[in-house]
Amino acid sequence: MKAKGLGEEEAYKIMRKMSMDMSIPMEVIAEMILQEYITAKKSANND
């Protein structure tokens, strides 16, 4: 949330919309976001 400059409520709305648009549970959306964050953090540490 902070990396994108979003508040908690705005982030939740975006996740909810993604979940509905992609027809997948919000849990999966959250896992995707966390995985992307972890990957980006590892990449930044390797530079």
N, C-alpha and C. Protein backbone atom coordinates (compact mmCIF):
# COMPACT_ATOMS: atom_id res chain seq x y z
N MET A 1 0.82 -1.19 0.00
CA MET A 1 0.00 0.00 0.00
C MET A 1 0.87 1.25 0.00
N LYS A 2 1.82 1.27 0.89
CA LYS A 2 2.67 2.46 1.01
C LYS A 2 3.51 2.68 -0.24
N ALA A 3 3.97 1.58 -0.85
CA ALA A 3 4.80 1.70 -2.04
C ALA A 3 4.04 2.37 -3.19
N LYS A 4 2.75 2.16 -3.24
CA LYS A 4 1.91 2.76 -4.28
C LYS A 4 1.25 4.05 -3.83
N GLY A 5 1.47 4.44 -2.58
CA GLY A 5 0.87 5.67 -2.07
C GLY A 5 -0.63 5.56 -1.84
N LEU A 6 -1.10 4.36 -1.50
CA LEU A 6 -2.52 4.13 -1.29
C LEU A 6 -2.85 4.02 0.18
N GLY A 7 -4.03 4.47 0.54
CA GLY A 7 -4.52 4.23 1.88
C GLY A 7 -5.10 2.83 1.96
N GLU A 8 -5.37 2.39 3.16
CA GLU A 8 -5.89 1.03 3.37
C GLU A 8 -7.22 0.82 2.65
N GLU A 9 -8.13 1.79 2.76
CA GLU A 9 -9.45 1.65 2.14
C GLU A 9 -9.36 1.61 0.63
N GLU A 10 -8.52 2.47 0.05
CA GLU A 10 -8.36 2.50 -1.40
C GLU A 10 -7.73 1.19 -1.90
N ALA A 11 -6.74 0.70 -1.18
CA ALA A 11 -6.10 -0.57 -1.55
C ALA A 11 -7.10 -1.71 -1.51
N TYR A 12 -7.95 -1.72 -0.49
CA TYR A 12 -8.97 -2.76 -0.37
C TYR A 12 -9.93 -2.71 -1.56
N LYS A 13 -10.35 -1.51 -1.94
CA LYS A 13 -11.27 -1.37 -3.09
C LYS A 13 -10.64 -1.89 -4.36
N ILE A 14 -9.36 -1.58 -4.55
CA ILE A 14 -8.66 -2.04 -5.75
C ILE A 14 -8.55 -3.57 -5.75
N MET A 15 -8.19 -4.13 -4.59
CA MET A 15 -8.09 -5.59 -4.49
C MET A 15 -9.44 -6.25 -4.74
N ARG A 16 -10.49 -5.67 -4.20
CA ARG A 16 -11.84 -6.22 -4.37
C ARG A 16 -12.24 -6.20 -5.85
N LYS A 17 -11.95 -5.09 -6.53
CA LYS A 17 -12.29 -5.00 -7.95
C LYS A 17 -11.49 -6.01 -8.77
N MET A 18 -10.19 -6.13 -8.46
CA MET A 18 -9.37 -7.13 -9.16
C MET A 18 -9.94 -8.53 -8.96
N SER A 19 -10.35 -8.82 -7.73
CA SER A 19 -10.91 -10.12 -7.41
C SER A 19 -12.16 -10.40 -8.23
N MET A 20 -13.03 -9.41 -8.31
CA MET A 20 -14.28 -9.58 -9.08
C MET A 20 -14.00 -9.68 -10.57
N ASP A 21 -13.12 -8.80 -11.08
CA ASP A 21 -12.81 -8.80 -12.51
C ASP A 21 -12.15 -10.10 -12.97
N MET A 22 -11.31 -10.67 -12.10
CA MET A 22 -10.58 -11.88 -12.46
C MET A 22 -11.27 -13.15 -11.99
N SER A 23 -12.38 -12.99 -11.25
CA SER A 23 -13.15 -14.12 -10.72
C SER A 23 -12.29 -15.06 -9.88
N ILE A 24 -11.47 -14.45 -9.02
CA ILE A 24 -10.67 -15.25 -8.10
C ILE A 24 -10.81 -14.65 -6.70
N PRO A 25 -10.61 -15.47 -5.67
CA PRO A 25 -10.77 -14.98 -4.30
C PRO A 25 -9.76 -13.88 -3.95
N MET A 26 -10.15 -13.00 -3.05
CA MET A 26 -9.26 -11.93 -2.61
C MET A 26 -7.99 -12.49 -1.99
N GLU A 27 -8.10 -13.66 -1.39
CA GLU A 27 -6.92 -14.30 -0.81
C GLU A 27 -5.84 -14.52 -1.88
N VAL A 28 -6.26 -14.92 -3.05
CA VAL A 28 -5.32 -15.16 -4.15
C VAL A 28 -4.72 -13.83 -4.62
N ILE A 29 -5.54 -12.79 -4.68
CA ILE A 29 -5.05 -11.46 -5.05
C ILE A 29 -3.98 -11.02 -4.05
N ALA A 30 -4.26 -11.19 -2.76
CA ALA A 30 -3.31 -10.81 -1.71
C ALA A 30 -2.01 -11.59 -1.86
N GLU A 31 -2.10 -12.87 -2.14
CA GLU A 31 -0.90 -13.68 -2.33
C GLU A 31 -0.09 -13.20 -3.53
N MET A 32 -0.78 -12.83 -4.61
CA MET A 32 -0.11 -12.31 -5.80
C MET A 32 0.64 -11.01 -5.47
N ILE A 33 0.00 -10.14 -4.72
CA ILE A 33 0.61 -8.86 -4.35
C ILE A 33 1.84 -9.10 -3.47
N LEU A 34 1.69 -9.98 -2.49
CA LEU A 34 2.82 -10.27 -1.60
C LEU A 34 3.98 -10.89 -2.37
N GLN A 35 3.68 -11.79 -3.29
CA GLN A 35 4.73 -12.43 -4.08
C GLN A 35 5.47 -11.40 -4.93
N GLU A 36 4.72 -10.49 -5.52
CA GLU A 36 5.33 -9.43 -6.33
C GLU A 36 6.22 -8.53 -5.45
N TYR A 37 5.75 -8.21 -4.26
CA TYR A 37 6.52 -7.38 -3.32
C TYR A 37 7.82 -8.08 -2.93
N ILE A 38 7.72 -9.36 -2.61
CA ILE A 38 8.91 -10.12 -2.21
C ILE A 38 9.91 -10.20 -3.36
N THR A 39 9.42 -10.45 -4.56
CA THR A 39 10.29 -10.53 -5.74
C THR A 39 10.98 -9.20 -5.99
N ALA A 40 10.23 -8.10 -5.90
CA ALA A 40 10.81 -6.78 -6.13
C ALA A 40 11.84 -6.45 -5.06
N LYS A 41 11.57 -6.82 -3.83
CA LYS A 41 12.50 -6.54 -2.74
C LYS A 41 13.80 -7.33 -2.92
N LYS A 42 13.69 -8.60 -3.31
CA LYS A 42 14.88 -9.40 -3.56
C LYS A 42 15.69 -8.82 -4.71
N SER A 43 15.00 -8.39 -5.76
CA SER A 43 15.67 -7.82 -6.91
C SER A 43 16.41 -6.54 -6.52
N ALA A 44 15.78 -5.71 -5.70
CA ALA A 44 16.41 -4.46 -5.25
C ALA A 44 17.63 -4.74 -4.39
N ASN A 45 17.59 -5.80 -3.61
CA ASN A 45 18.72 -6.15 -2.75
C ASN A 45 19.90 -6.70 -3.54
N ASN A 46 19.62 -7.26 -4.71
CA ASN A 46 20.68 -7.84 -5.54
C ASN A 46 21.40 -6.79 -6.37
N ASP A 47 20.86 -5.60 -6.44
CA ASP A 47 21.48 -4.53 -7.26
C ASP A 47 22.61 -3.87 -6.55
